[in-house]
N, C-alpha and C. Protein backbone atom coordinates (compact mmCIF):
# COMPACT_ATOMS: atom_id res chain seq x y z
N MET A 1 119.14 155.97 -31.95
CA MET A 1 118.11 156.94 -32.24
C MET A 1 117.47 157.37 -30.90
N THR A 2 117.32 158.69 -30.72
CA THR A 2 116.75 159.18 -29.47
C THR A 2 115.24 158.93 -29.45
N LYS A 3 114.72 158.98 -28.25
CA LYS A 3 113.28 158.75 -28.06
C LYS A 3 112.47 159.82 -28.81
N GLU A 4 112.95 161.09 -28.79
CA GLU A 4 112.25 162.18 -29.46
C GLU A 4 112.22 161.97 -30.98
N LYS A 5 113.34 161.52 -31.54
CA LYS A 5 113.40 161.25 -32.99
C LYS A 5 112.44 160.13 -33.35
N HIS A 6 112.41 159.08 -32.51
CA HIS A 6 111.53 157.95 -32.73
C HIS A 6 110.06 158.42 -32.70
N GLU A 7 109.76 159.29 -31.72
CA GLU A 7 108.41 159.84 -31.59
C GLU A 7 108.04 160.65 -32.84
N GLN A 8 108.97 161.47 -33.30
CA GLN A 8 108.73 162.30 -34.47
C GLN A 8 108.50 161.44 -35.72
N MET A 9 109.26 160.38 -35.84
CA MET A 9 109.08 159.48 -36.99
C MET A 9 107.70 158.83 -36.94
N ARG A 10 107.27 158.42 -35.75
CA ARG A 10 105.97 157.79 -35.60
C ARG A 10 104.87 158.77 -36.01
N GLN A 11 104.99 160.03 -35.60
CA GLN A 11 104.00 161.03 -35.98
C GLN A 11 103.98 161.26 -37.48
N ASN A 12 105.14 161.23 -38.10
CA ASN A 12 105.21 161.43 -39.55
C ASN A 12 104.61 160.25 -40.31
N ASP A 13 104.59 159.08 -39.67
CA ASP A 13 104.07 157.88 -40.32
C ASP A 13 102.54 157.77 -40.26
N VAL A 14 101.90 158.60 -39.48
CA VAL A 14 100.44 158.53 -39.35
C VAL A 14 99.80 159.16 -40.59
N PRO A 15 98.96 158.39 -41.31
CA PRO A 15 98.32 158.94 -42.50
C PRO A 15 97.35 160.08 -42.15
N LEU A 16 97.20 161.01 -43.06
CA LEU A 16 96.32 162.15 -42.87
C LEU A 16 94.89 161.72 -42.55
N GLU A 17 94.43 160.64 -43.19
CA GLU A 17 93.07 160.13 -42.94
C GLU A 17 92.86 159.79 -41.47
N LYS A 18 93.86 159.14 -40.88
CA LYS A 18 93.75 158.76 -39.47
C LYS A 18 93.74 159.99 -38.57
N ILE A 19 94.52 160.98 -38.94
CA ILE A 19 94.54 162.22 -38.16
C ILE A 19 93.17 162.90 -38.22
N LEU A 20 92.62 162.99 -39.42
CA LEU A 20 91.31 163.62 -39.59
C LEU A 20 90.22 162.83 -38.86
N ASP A 21 90.29 161.50 -38.92
CA ASP A 21 89.33 160.66 -38.20
C ASP A 21 89.45 160.90 -36.68
N ALA A 22 90.68 160.98 -36.21
CA ALA A 22 90.91 161.22 -34.78
C ALA A 22 90.35 162.58 -34.37
N MET A 23 90.53 163.58 -35.22
CA MET A 23 90.00 164.91 -34.92
C MET A 23 88.46 164.89 -34.90
N GLU A 24 87.87 164.16 -35.84
CA GLU A 24 86.42 164.07 -35.90
C GLU A 24 85.86 163.35 -34.68
N LEU A 25 86.46 162.21 -34.34
CA LEU A 25 86.00 161.45 -33.17
C LEU A 25 86.18 162.23 -31.87
N SER A 26 87.31 162.91 -31.75
CA SER A 26 87.52 163.69 -30.52
C SER A 26 86.58 164.89 -30.49
N GLY A 27 86.24 165.45 -31.64
CA GLY A 27 85.25 166.53 -31.70
C GLY A 27 83.88 166.06 -31.23
N LYS A 28 83.51 164.85 -31.64
CA LYS A 28 82.24 164.27 -31.20
C LYS A 28 82.27 164.03 -29.68
N TRP A 29 83.41 163.60 -29.19
CA TRP A 29 83.56 163.39 -27.76
C TRP A 29 83.36 164.71 -27.01
N VAL A 30 83.91 165.79 -27.54
CA VAL A 30 83.77 167.12 -26.91
C VAL A 30 82.30 167.51 -26.84
N VAL A 31 81.57 167.33 -27.95
CA VAL A 31 80.15 167.69 -27.98
C VAL A 31 79.39 166.88 -26.93
N LYS A 32 79.69 165.60 -26.85
CA LYS A 32 79.02 164.74 -25.87
C LYS A 32 79.38 165.18 -24.45
N ARG A 33 80.64 165.45 -24.22
CA ARG A 33 81.14 165.84 -22.90
C ARG A 33 80.50 167.15 -22.43
N LEU A 34 80.33 168.09 -23.36
CA LEU A 34 79.79 169.40 -23.01
C LEU A 34 78.28 169.50 -23.23
N ASN A 35 77.66 168.38 -23.60
CA ASN A 35 76.22 168.38 -23.90
C ASN A 35 75.88 169.41 -24.96
N GLY A 36 76.60 169.38 -26.05
CA GLY A 36 76.37 170.32 -27.15
C GLY A 36 77.45 171.38 -27.17
N ASN A 37 77.11 172.53 -27.68
CA ASN A 37 78.05 173.66 -27.72
C ASN A 37 77.58 174.73 -26.75
N PRO A 38 78.31 174.93 -25.65
CA PRO A 38 77.89 175.92 -24.65
C PRO A 38 77.85 177.34 -25.24
N THR A 39 76.91 178.13 -24.75
CA THR A 39 76.79 179.51 -25.23
C THR A 39 77.46 180.49 -24.28
N SER A 40 77.86 180.01 -23.11
CA SER A 40 78.58 180.87 -22.18
C SER A 40 79.58 180.02 -21.41
N GLY A 41 80.49 180.69 -20.73
CA GLY A 41 81.48 179.98 -19.93
C GLY A 41 82.78 179.76 -20.68
N PRO A 42 83.70 179.02 -20.08
CA PRO A 42 85.04 178.88 -20.64
C PRO A 42 85.09 178.09 -21.95
N PHE A 43 84.05 177.33 -22.27
CA PHE A 43 84.06 176.52 -23.49
C PHE A 43 83.11 177.06 -24.55
N SER A 44 82.66 178.29 -24.37
CA SER A 44 81.72 178.88 -25.33
C SER A 44 82.48 179.36 -26.57
N GLU A 45 81.74 179.51 -27.64
CA GLU A 45 82.31 180.00 -28.89
C GLU A 45 82.85 181.42 -28.72
N LEU A 46 82.21 182.19 -27.87
CA LEU A 46 82.64 183.56 -27.61
C LEU A 46 84.05 183.59 -27.03
N VAL A 47 84.34 182.69 -26.13
CA VAL A 47 85.65 182.64 -25.48
C VAL A 47 86.69 181.96 -26.38
N LEU A 48 86.31 180.83 -26.99
CA LEU A 48 87.26 180.05 -27.78
C LEU A 48 87.43 180.58 -29.22
N THR A 49 86.54 181.44 -29.65
CA THR A 49 86.49 182.01 -31.01
C THR A 49 86.01 181.03 -32.07
N GLU A 50 85.70 179.82 -31.68
CA GLU A 50 85.06 178.85 -32.56
C GLU A 50 84.43 177.78 -31.68
N LYS A 51 83.63 176.93 -32.28
CA LYS A 51 82.94 175.90 -31.50
C LYS A 51 83.95 174.99 -30.82
N ALA A 52 83.61 174.58 -29.61
CA ALA A 52 84.50 173.73 -28.82
C ALA A 52 84.85 172.44 -29.56
N ALA A 53 83.89 171.89 -30.32
CA ALA A 53 84.11 170.64 -31.06
C ALA A 53 85.13 170.81 -32.17
N VAL A 54 85.40 172.03 -32.58
CA VAL A 54 86.41 172.31 -33.60
C VAL A 54 87.72 172.75 -32.92
N PHE A 55 87.57 173.60 -31.91
CA PHE A 55 88.72 174.18 -31.23
C PHE A 55 89.61 173.13 -30.56
N PHE A 56 89.00 172.29 -29.72
CA PHE A 56 89.79 171.36 -28.93
C PHE A 56 90.51 170.29 -29.77
N PRO A 57 89.87 169.71 -30.80
CA PRO A 57 90.64 168.79 -31.64
C PRO A 57 91.84 169.46 -32.32
N LYS A 58 91.70 170.74 -32.69
CA LYS A 58 92.84 171.47 -33.27
C LYS A 58 93.97 171.60 -32.25
N VAL A 59 93.60 171.94 -31.02
CA VAL A 59 94.60 172.06 -29.95
C VAL A 59 95.29 170.72 -29.73
N ALA A 60 94.48 169.66 -29.71
CA ALA A 60 95.04 168.32 -29.51
C ALA A 60 96.02 167.98 -30.62
N TYR A 61 95.63 168.26 -31.84
CA TYR A 61 96.51 167.97 -32.98
C TYR A 61 97.81 168.77 -32.85
N MET A 62 97.71 170.06 -32.54
CA MET A 62 98.90 170.90 -32.44
C MET A 62 99.85 170.40 -31.34
N LYS A 63 99.29 170.03 -30.21
CA LYS A 63 100.13 169.53 -29.11
C LYS A 63 100.76 168.20 -29.48
N TRP A 64 99.98 167.36 -30.13
CA TRP A 64 100.50 166.06 -30.53
C TRP A 64 101.57 166.23 -31.61
N ALA A 65 101.29 167.04 -32.62
CA ALA A 65 102.22 167.21 -33.74
C ALA A 65 103.50 167.91 -33.32
N SER A 66 103.41 168.83 -32.37
CA SER A 66 104.60 169.57 -31.94
C SER A 66 105.45 168.77 -30.96
N GLY A 67 104.89 167.68 -30.46
CA GLY A 67 105.62 166.87 -29.48
C GLY A 67 105.46 167.40 -28.05
N ALA A 68 104.58 168.40 -27.87
CA ALA A 68 104.35 168.94 -26.53
C ALA A 68 103.63 167.93 -25.64
N TRP A 69 103.00 166.96 -26.26
CA TRP A 69 102.29 165.91 -25.52
C TRP A 69 102.97 164.59 -25.82
N LYS A 70 103.32 163.87 -24.80
CA LYS A 70 104.01 162.59 -24.98
C LYS A 70 103.01 161.48 -25.28
N TRP A 71 103.35 160.66 -26.24
CA TRP A 71 102.52 159.54 -26.68
C TRP A 71 102.48 158.49 -25.59
N LYS A 72 101.29 158.08 -25.24
CA LYS A 72 101.12 157.00 -24.25
C LYS A 72 101.06 155.69 -25.01
N GLN A 73 101.98 154.80 -24.74
CA GLN A 73 102.06 153.52 -25.44
C GLN A 73 100.76 152.73 -25.30
N GLY A 74 100.35 152.11 -26.39
CA GLY A 74 99.19 151.23 -26.37
C GLY A 74 97.86 151.94 -26.62
N LEU A 75 97.88 153.23 -26.84
CA LEU A 75 96.63 153.97 -27.10
C LEU A 75 96.59 154.43 -28.55
N ASP A 76 95.40 154.39 -29.13
CA ASP A 76 95.26 154.84 -30.51
C ASP A 76 95.19 156.37 -30.57
N LEU A 77 95.23 156.93 -31.77
CA LEU A 77 95.29 158.38 -31.94
C LEU A 77 94.05 159.10 -31.39
N PRO A 78 92.82 158.63 -31.66
CA PRO A 78 91.67 159.33 -31.08
C PRO A 78 91.72 159.37 -29.55
N THR A 79 92.16 158.30 -28.94
CA THR A 79 92.26 158.26 -27.47
C THR A 79 93.33 159.24 -27.00
N GLN A 80 94.44 159.33 -27.75
CA GLN A 80 95.49 160.29 -27.42
C GLN A 80 94.93 161.71 -27.47
N PHE A 81 94.17 162.00 -28.53
CA PHE A 81 93.59 163.34 -28.69
C PHE A 81 92.62 163.64 -27.54
N ILE A 82 91.82 162.67 -27.16
CA ILE A 82 90.86 162.88 -26.07
C ILE A 82 91.60 163.13 -24.76
N ARG A 83 92.67 162.44 -24.53
CA ARG A 83 93.48 162.69 -23.32
C ARG A 83 94.02 164.11 -23.32
N ILE A 84 94.50 164.55 -24.47
CA ILE A 84 95.02 165.93 -24.58
C ILE A 84 93.88 166.92 -24.34
N ILE A 85 92.73 166.67 -24.93
CA ILE A 85 91.58 167.57 -24.79
C ILE A 85 91.12 167.64 -23.33
N ARG A 86 91.05 166.50 -22.67
CA ARG A 86 90.63 166.49 -21.26
C ARG A 86 91.57 167.35 -20.42
N SER A 87 92.85 167.20 -20.68
CA SER A 87 93.83 167.99 -19.95
C SER A 87 93.65 169.49 -20.25
N GLU A 88 93.51 169.82 -21.51
CA GLU A 88 93.33 171.21 -21.92
C GLU A 88 92.05 171.81 -21.31
N MET A 89 90.99 171.04 -21.31
CA MET A 89 89.72 171.52 -20.74
C MET A 89 89.87 171.76 -19.23
N SER A 90 90.56 170.87 -18.56
CA SER A 90 90.79 171.04 -17.12
C SER A 90 91.56 172.32 -16.84
N HIS A 91 92.62 172.54 -17.61
CA HIS A 91 93.42 173.76 -17.42
C HIS A 91 92.60 175.01 -17.70
N ARG A 92 91.83 174.99 -18.77
CA ARG A 92 91.02 176.16 -19.12
C ARG A 92 89.94 176.43 -18.07
N LEU A 93 89.33 175.38 -17.55
CA LEU A 93 88.30 175.55 -16.52
C LEU A 93 88.92 176.12 -15.24
N ARG A 94 90.06 175.60 -14.85
CA ARG A 94 90.74 176.10 -13.66
C ARG A 94 91.12 177.57 -13.84
N ASP A 95 91.68 177.93 -15.00
CA ASP A 95 92.04 179.33 -15.27
C ASP A 95 90.81 180.22 -15.25
N TRP A 96 89.72 179.74 -15.84
CA TRP A 96 88.47 180.51 -15.89
C TRP A 96 87.97 180.79 -14.47
N ARG A 97 87.98 179.77 -13.64
CA ARG A 97 87.51 179.95 -12.26
C ARG A 97 88.39 180.93 -11.49
N GLU A 98 89.69 180.83 -11.67
CA GLU A 98 90.60 181.75 -10.99
C GLU A 98 90.37 183.18 -11.44
N ARG A 99 90.15 183.38 -12.74
CA ARG A 99 89.88 184.73 -13.25
C ARG A 99 88.57 185.25 -12.68
N LYS A 100 87.56 184.39 -12.60
CA LYS A 100 86.26 184.80 -12.07
C LYS A 100 86.39 185.22 -10.61
N GLU A 101 87.22 184.49 -9.84
CA GLU A 101 87.40 184.82 -8.44
C GLU A 101 88.11 186.15 -8.26
N GLN A 102 88.94 186.54 -9.23
CA GLN A 102 89.69 187.78 -9.12
C GLN A 102 88.94 188.98 -9.68
N GLU A 103 87.79 188.75 -10.31
CA GLU A 103 87.02 189.85 -10.85
C GLU A 103 86.49 190.71 -9.72
N PRO A 104 86.33 191.99 -9.99
CA PRO A 104 85.80 192.86 -8.94
C PRO A 104 84.39 192.43 -8.53
N MET A 105 84.09 192.69 -7.29
CA MET A 105 82.80 192.32 -6.74
C MET A 105 81.70 193.11 -7.43
N ASN A 106 80.57 192.50 -7.58
CA ASN A 106 79.44 193.16 -8.21
C ASN A 106 78.72 194.01 -7.17
N ASN A 107 79.27 195.18 -6.91
CA ASN A 107 78.65 196.07 -5.94
C ASN A 107 77.48 196.83 -6.54
N GLU A 108 77.25 196.65 -7.83
CA GLU A 108 76.13 197.34 -8.47
C GLU A 108 74.82 197.00 -7.78
N LEU A 109 74.63 195.73 -7.47
CA LEU A 109 73.38 195.31 -6.84
C LEU A 109 73.23 195.95 -5.47
N VAL A 110 74.30 195.92 -4.66
CA VAL A 110 74.27 196.53 -3.35
C VAL A 110 74.06 198.03 -3.48
N ALA A 111 74.78 198.66 -4.42
CA ALA A 111 74.66 200.11 -4.62
C ALA A 111 73.24 200.47 -5.07
N ARG A 112 72.68 199.66 -5.97
CA ARG A 112 71.33 199.90 -6.44
C ARG A 112 70.34 199.82 -5.28
N GLU A 113 70.53 198.82 -4.42
CA GLU A 113 69.66 198.67 -3.26
C GLU A 113 69.81 199.87 -2.32
N LEU A 114 71.05 200.32 -2.15
CA LEU A 114 71.27 201.50 -1.32
C LEU A 114 70.51 202.70 -1.88
N GLU A 115 70.67 202.91 -3.16
CA GLU A 115 70.02 204.05 -3.80
C GLU A 115 68.51 203.96 -3.66
N GLN A 116 67.95 202.78 -3.94
CA GLN A 116 66.51 202.62 -3.86
C GLN A 116 66.02 202.76 -2.42
N ALA A 117 66.76 202.18 -1.49
CA ALA A 117 66.33 202.19 -0.10
C ALA A 117 66.40 203.57 0.53
N LEU A 118 67.32 204.39 0.05
CA LEU A 118 67.57 205.65 0.73
C LEU A 118 67.29 206.90 -0.10
N ALA A 119 67.01 206.76 -1.36
CA ALA A 119 66.81 207.91 -2.23
C ALA A 119 65.71 208.82 -1.72
N ASP A 120 64.62 208.24 -1.22
CA ASP A 120 63.51 209.05 -0.71
C ASP A 120 63.88 209.74 0.60
N GLU A 121 64.73 209.11 1.40
CA GLU A 121 65.06 209.65 2.72
C GLU A 121 66.11 210.76 2.64
N LEU A 122 66.96 210.71 1.63
CA LEU A 122 68.09 211.62 1.59
C LEU A 122 67.95 212.66 0.49
N GLU A 123 68.29 213.90 0.81
CA GLU A 123 68.24 214.93 -0.22
C GLU A 123 69.63 215.29 -0.70
N MET A 124 70.59 215.20 0.14
CA MET A 124 71.95 215.60 -0.24
C MET A 124 72.70 214.38 -0.77
N GLU A 125 73.09 214.44 -2.02
CA GLU A 125 73.72 213.31 -2.67
C GLU A 125 75.06 212.92 -2.04
N GLU A 126 75.81 213.89 -1.53
CA GLU A 126 77.12 213.61 -0.93
C GLU A 126 77.00 212.71 0.30
N GLU A 127 75.93 212.90 1.07
CA GLU A 127 75.73 212.13 2.30
C GLU A 127 75.09 210.78 2.04
N MET A 128 74.59 210.58 0.84
CA MET A 128 73.79 209.40 0.54
C MET A 128 74.51 208.09 0.85
N LYS A 129 75.73 207.98 0.41
CA LYS A 129 76.44 206.71 0.57
C LYS A 129 76.74 206.41 2.04
N ASP A 130 77.30 207.42 2.77
CA ASP A 130 77.62 207.20 4.17
C ASP A 130 76.38 206.89 4.99
N LEU A 131 75.33 207.66 4.75
CA LEU A 131 74.09 207.40 5.46
C LEU A 131 73.51 206.06 5.06
N GLY A 132 73.70 205.69 3.80
CA GLY A 132 73.21 204.40 3.32
C GLY A 132 73.88 203.26 4.07
N TYR A 133 75.21 203.34 4.21
CA TYR A 133 75.91 202.30 4.95
C TYR A 133 75.47 202.31 6.42
N ALA A 134 75.26 203.51 6.97
CA ALA A 134 74.82 203.60 8.36
C ALA A 134 73.47 202.92 8.53
N ASN A 135 72.56 203.17 7.60
CA ASN A 135 71.24 202.53 7.68
C ASN A 135 71.35 201.03 7.51
N ILE A 136 72.16 200.60 6.57
CA ILE A 136 72.33 199.16 6.37
C ILE A 136 72.92 198.53 7.62
N LEU A 137 73.92 199.20 8.21
CA LEU A 137 74.51 198.68 9.45
C LEU A 137 73.46 198.59 10.56
N GLU A 138 72.58 199.58 10.60
CA GLU A 138 71.50 199.54 11.58
C GLU A 138 70.56 198.36 11.30
N TYR A 139 70.24 198.14 10.03
CA TYR A 139 69.35 197.04 9.65
C TYR A 139 69.93 195.67 10.04
N VAL A 140 71.25 195.52 9.89
CA VAL A 140 71.88 194.21 10.11
C VAL A 140 72.53 194.11 11.49
N SER A 141 72.30 195.09 12.35
CA SER A 141 72.99 195.15 13.65
C SER A 141 72.78 193.91 14.51
N GLU A 142 71.70 193.19 14.28
CA GLU A 142 71.44 191.97 15.07
C GLU A 142 72.25 190.78 14.56
N HIS A 143 72.94 190.96 13.46
CA HIS A 143 73.70 189.88 12.83
C HIS A 143 75.17 190.29 12.75
N PRO A 144 75.97 189.95 13.75
CA PRO A 144 77.38 190.40 13.79
C PRO A 144 78.17 190.08 12.52
N ARG A 145 77.91 188.92 11.96
CA ARG A 145 78.65 188.53 10.75
C ARG A 145 78.31 189.44 9.58
N LEU A 146 77.04 189.85 9.50
CA LEU A 146 76.62 190.75 8.42
C LEU A 146 77.17 192.16 8.63
N VAL A 147 77.31 192.56 9.89
CA VAL A 147 77.91 193.87 10.20
C VAL A 147 79.35 193.88 9.69
N VAL A 148 80.08 192.81 9.97
CA VAL A 148 81.47 192.70 9.50
C VAL A 148 81.49 192.72 7.97
N TYR A 149 80.58 191.98 7.35
CA TYR A 149 80.52 191.93 5.88
C TYR A 149 80.28 193.33 5.29
N VAL A 150 79.31 194.07 5.83
CA VAL A 150 78.99 195.42 5.31
C VAL A 150 80.21 196.33 5.45
N ASN A 151 80.90 196.25 6.57
CA ASN A 151 82.10 197.07 6.76
C ASN A 151 83.20 196.69 5.76
N LEU A 152 83.32 195.40 5.46
CA LEU A 152 84.31 194.97 4.47
C LEU A 152 83.94 195.43 3.06
N VAL A 153 82.65 195.43 2.74
CA VAL A 153 82.19 195.91 1.43
C VAL A 153 82.58 197.38 1.29
N ARG A 154 82.46 198.10 2.38
CA ARG A 154 82.82 199.51 2.40
C ARG A 154 84.31 199.71 2.10
N GLU A 155 85.15 198.79 2.61
CA GLU A 155 86.61 198.89 2.45
C GLU A 155 87.10 198.39 1.10
N THR A 156 86.54 197.30 0.62
CA THR A 156 87.10 196.62 -0.54
C THR A 156 86.05 196.45 -1.62
N ASN A 157 86.53 196.06 -2.79
CA ASN A 157 85.60 195.90 -3.91
C ASN A 157 85.73 194.52 -4.55
N SER A 158 86.08 193.51 -3.75
CA SER A 158 86.20 192.19 -4.38
C SER A 158 85.75 191.08 -3.44
N TYR A 159 85.07 190.11 -4.04
CA TYR A 159 84.64 188.95 -3.27
C TYR A 159 85.85 188.24 -2.69
N ARG A 160 86.90 188.17 -3.48
CA ARG A 160 88.10 187.44 -3.07
C ARG A 160 88.69 188.04 -1.79
N SER A 161 88.82 189.37 -1.74
CA SER A 161 89.37 190.02 -0.54
C SER A 161 88.51 189.75 0.68
N ILE A 162 87.20 189.86 0.49
CA ILE A 162 86.29 189.62 1.62
C ILE A 162 86.39 188.16 2.05
N SER A 163 86.44 187.25 1.08
CA SER A 163 86.52 185.83 1.42
C SER A 163 87.81 185.52 2.19
N LYS A 164 88.91 186.17 1.79
CA LYS A 164 90.18 185.96 2.50
C LYS A 164 90.12 186.52 3.91
N LYS A 165 89.57 187.74 4.04
CA LYS A 165 89.52 188.36 5.36
C LYS A 165 88.60 187.61 6.31
N LEU A 166 87.50 187.07 5.80
CA LEU A 166 86.57 186.32 6.64
C LEU A 166 86.94 184.84 6.73
N ARG A 167 87.88 184.44 5.87
CA ARG A 167 88.32 183.04 5.81
C ARG A 167 87.15 182.10 5.50
N ILE A 168 86.40 182.50 4.47
CA ILE A 168 85.28 181.68 4.01
C ILE A 168 85.34 181.59 2.49
N LYS A 169 84.57 180.67 1.92
CA LYS A 169 84.53 180.51 0.47
C LYS A 169 83.77 181.67 -0.15
N MET A 170 84.07 181.92 -1.43
CA MET A 170 83.42 183.02 -2.12
C MET A 170 81.91 182.81 -2.23
N ALA A 171 81.47 181.56 -2.33
CA ALA A 171 80.04 181.28 -2.38
C ALA A 171 79.36 181.75 -1.09
N GLU A 172 80.07 181.61 0.03
CA GLU A 172 79.51 182.06 1.30
C GLU A 172 79.46 183.59 1.35
N VAL A 173 80.44 184.26 0.74
CA VAL A 173 80.42 185.73 0.67
C VAL A 173 79.19 186.18 -0.11
N LYS A 174 78.91 185.49 -1.19
CA LYS A 174 77.74 185.84 -2.00
C LYS A 174 76.44 185.60 -1.22
N LYS A 175 76.43 184.58 -0.36
CA LYS A 175 75.26 184.33 0.48
C LYS A 175 75.08 185.47 1.49
N LEU A 176 76.21 185.95 2.05
CA LEU A 176 76.13 187.08 2.97
C LEU A 176 75.56 188.30 2.25
N GLU A 177 76.03 188.51 1.04
CA GLU A 177 75.53 189.63 0.23
C GLU A 177 74.02 189.51 0.03
N ALA A 178 73.57 188.32 -0.30
CA ALA A 178 72.14 188.08 -0.52
C ALA A 178 71.35 188.34 0.77
N GLU A 179 71.90 187.93 1.91
CA GLU A 179 71.22 188.16 3.18
C GLU A 179 71.07 189.65 3.46
N VAL A 180 72.15 190.41 3.22
CA VAL A 180 72.11 191.85 3.45
C VAL A 180 71.05 192.49 2.55
N ILE A 181 71.04 192.12 1.29
CA ILE A 181 70.08 192.67 0.34
C ILE A 181 68.65 192.35 0.78
N LYS A 182 68.44 191.13 1.23
CA LYS A 182 67.10 190.72 1.69
C LYS A 182 66.67 191.56 2.89
N ILE A 183 67.57 191.77 3.83
CA ILE A 183 67.25 192.55 5.03
C ILE A 183 66.97 194.01 4.64
N VAL A 184 67.79 194.56 3.73
CA VAL A 184 67.59 195.95 3.29
C VAL A 184 66.23 196.09 2.62
N ARG A 185 65.90 195.16 1.76
CA ARG A 185 64.61 195.20 1.07
C ARG A 185 63.44 195.11 2.05
N THR A 186 63.57 194.21 3.02
CA THR A 186 62.52 194.04 4.03
C THR A 186 62.32 195.32 4.82
N ASN A 187 63.41 195.94 5.25
CA ASN A 187 63.32 197.17 6.05
C ASN A 187 62.84 198.34 5.21
N ARG A 188 63.20 198.36 3.94
CA ARG A 188 62.77 199.43 3.05
C ARG A 188 61.26 199.36 2.84
N ALA A 189 60.73 198.15 2.81
CA ALA A 189 59.30 197.96 2.57
C ALA A 189 58.45 198.39 3.76
N LYS A 190 59.06 198.49 4.94
CA LYS A 190 58.30 198.86 6.17
C LYS A 190 57.86 200.30 6.14
């Protein structure tokens, strides 16, 4: 008898009660792990289409029942489900972060600041953006790194591209953005 057949027979021998108990216990584990049911992020009901405490035990059961997950000898069914759930959560979190990094940069805030900072000074709408960047470049001229950042914002529309070109983390790109906004606001207030 092959190992896969033996595994399938073992799965068929598990009573429905034990499966339901394992799903319930692993659901409780999910709630504890996530400190309740998140309202946003990769484990929110909006993303998963149902509560995480229901979604992940179902995924665990499907992976276990289909044989996509190999049984670890010496572990009971709830522990097996929790192992599957931990793996699934890790994959989903990693995918979520990668998608977030690839999202377009939120230039709305910078654009809004440009408009507010320069709307009174400029009458011709066509010149507004170029003059806005020129003024911002003038405001940050004492900070070479911010000058480079503003020029990159002009070229590209993503945190990821800027982070790659500057060879820094995306969190640092966002800090540069915050610094530019702070300087623009300070100069606008003068």
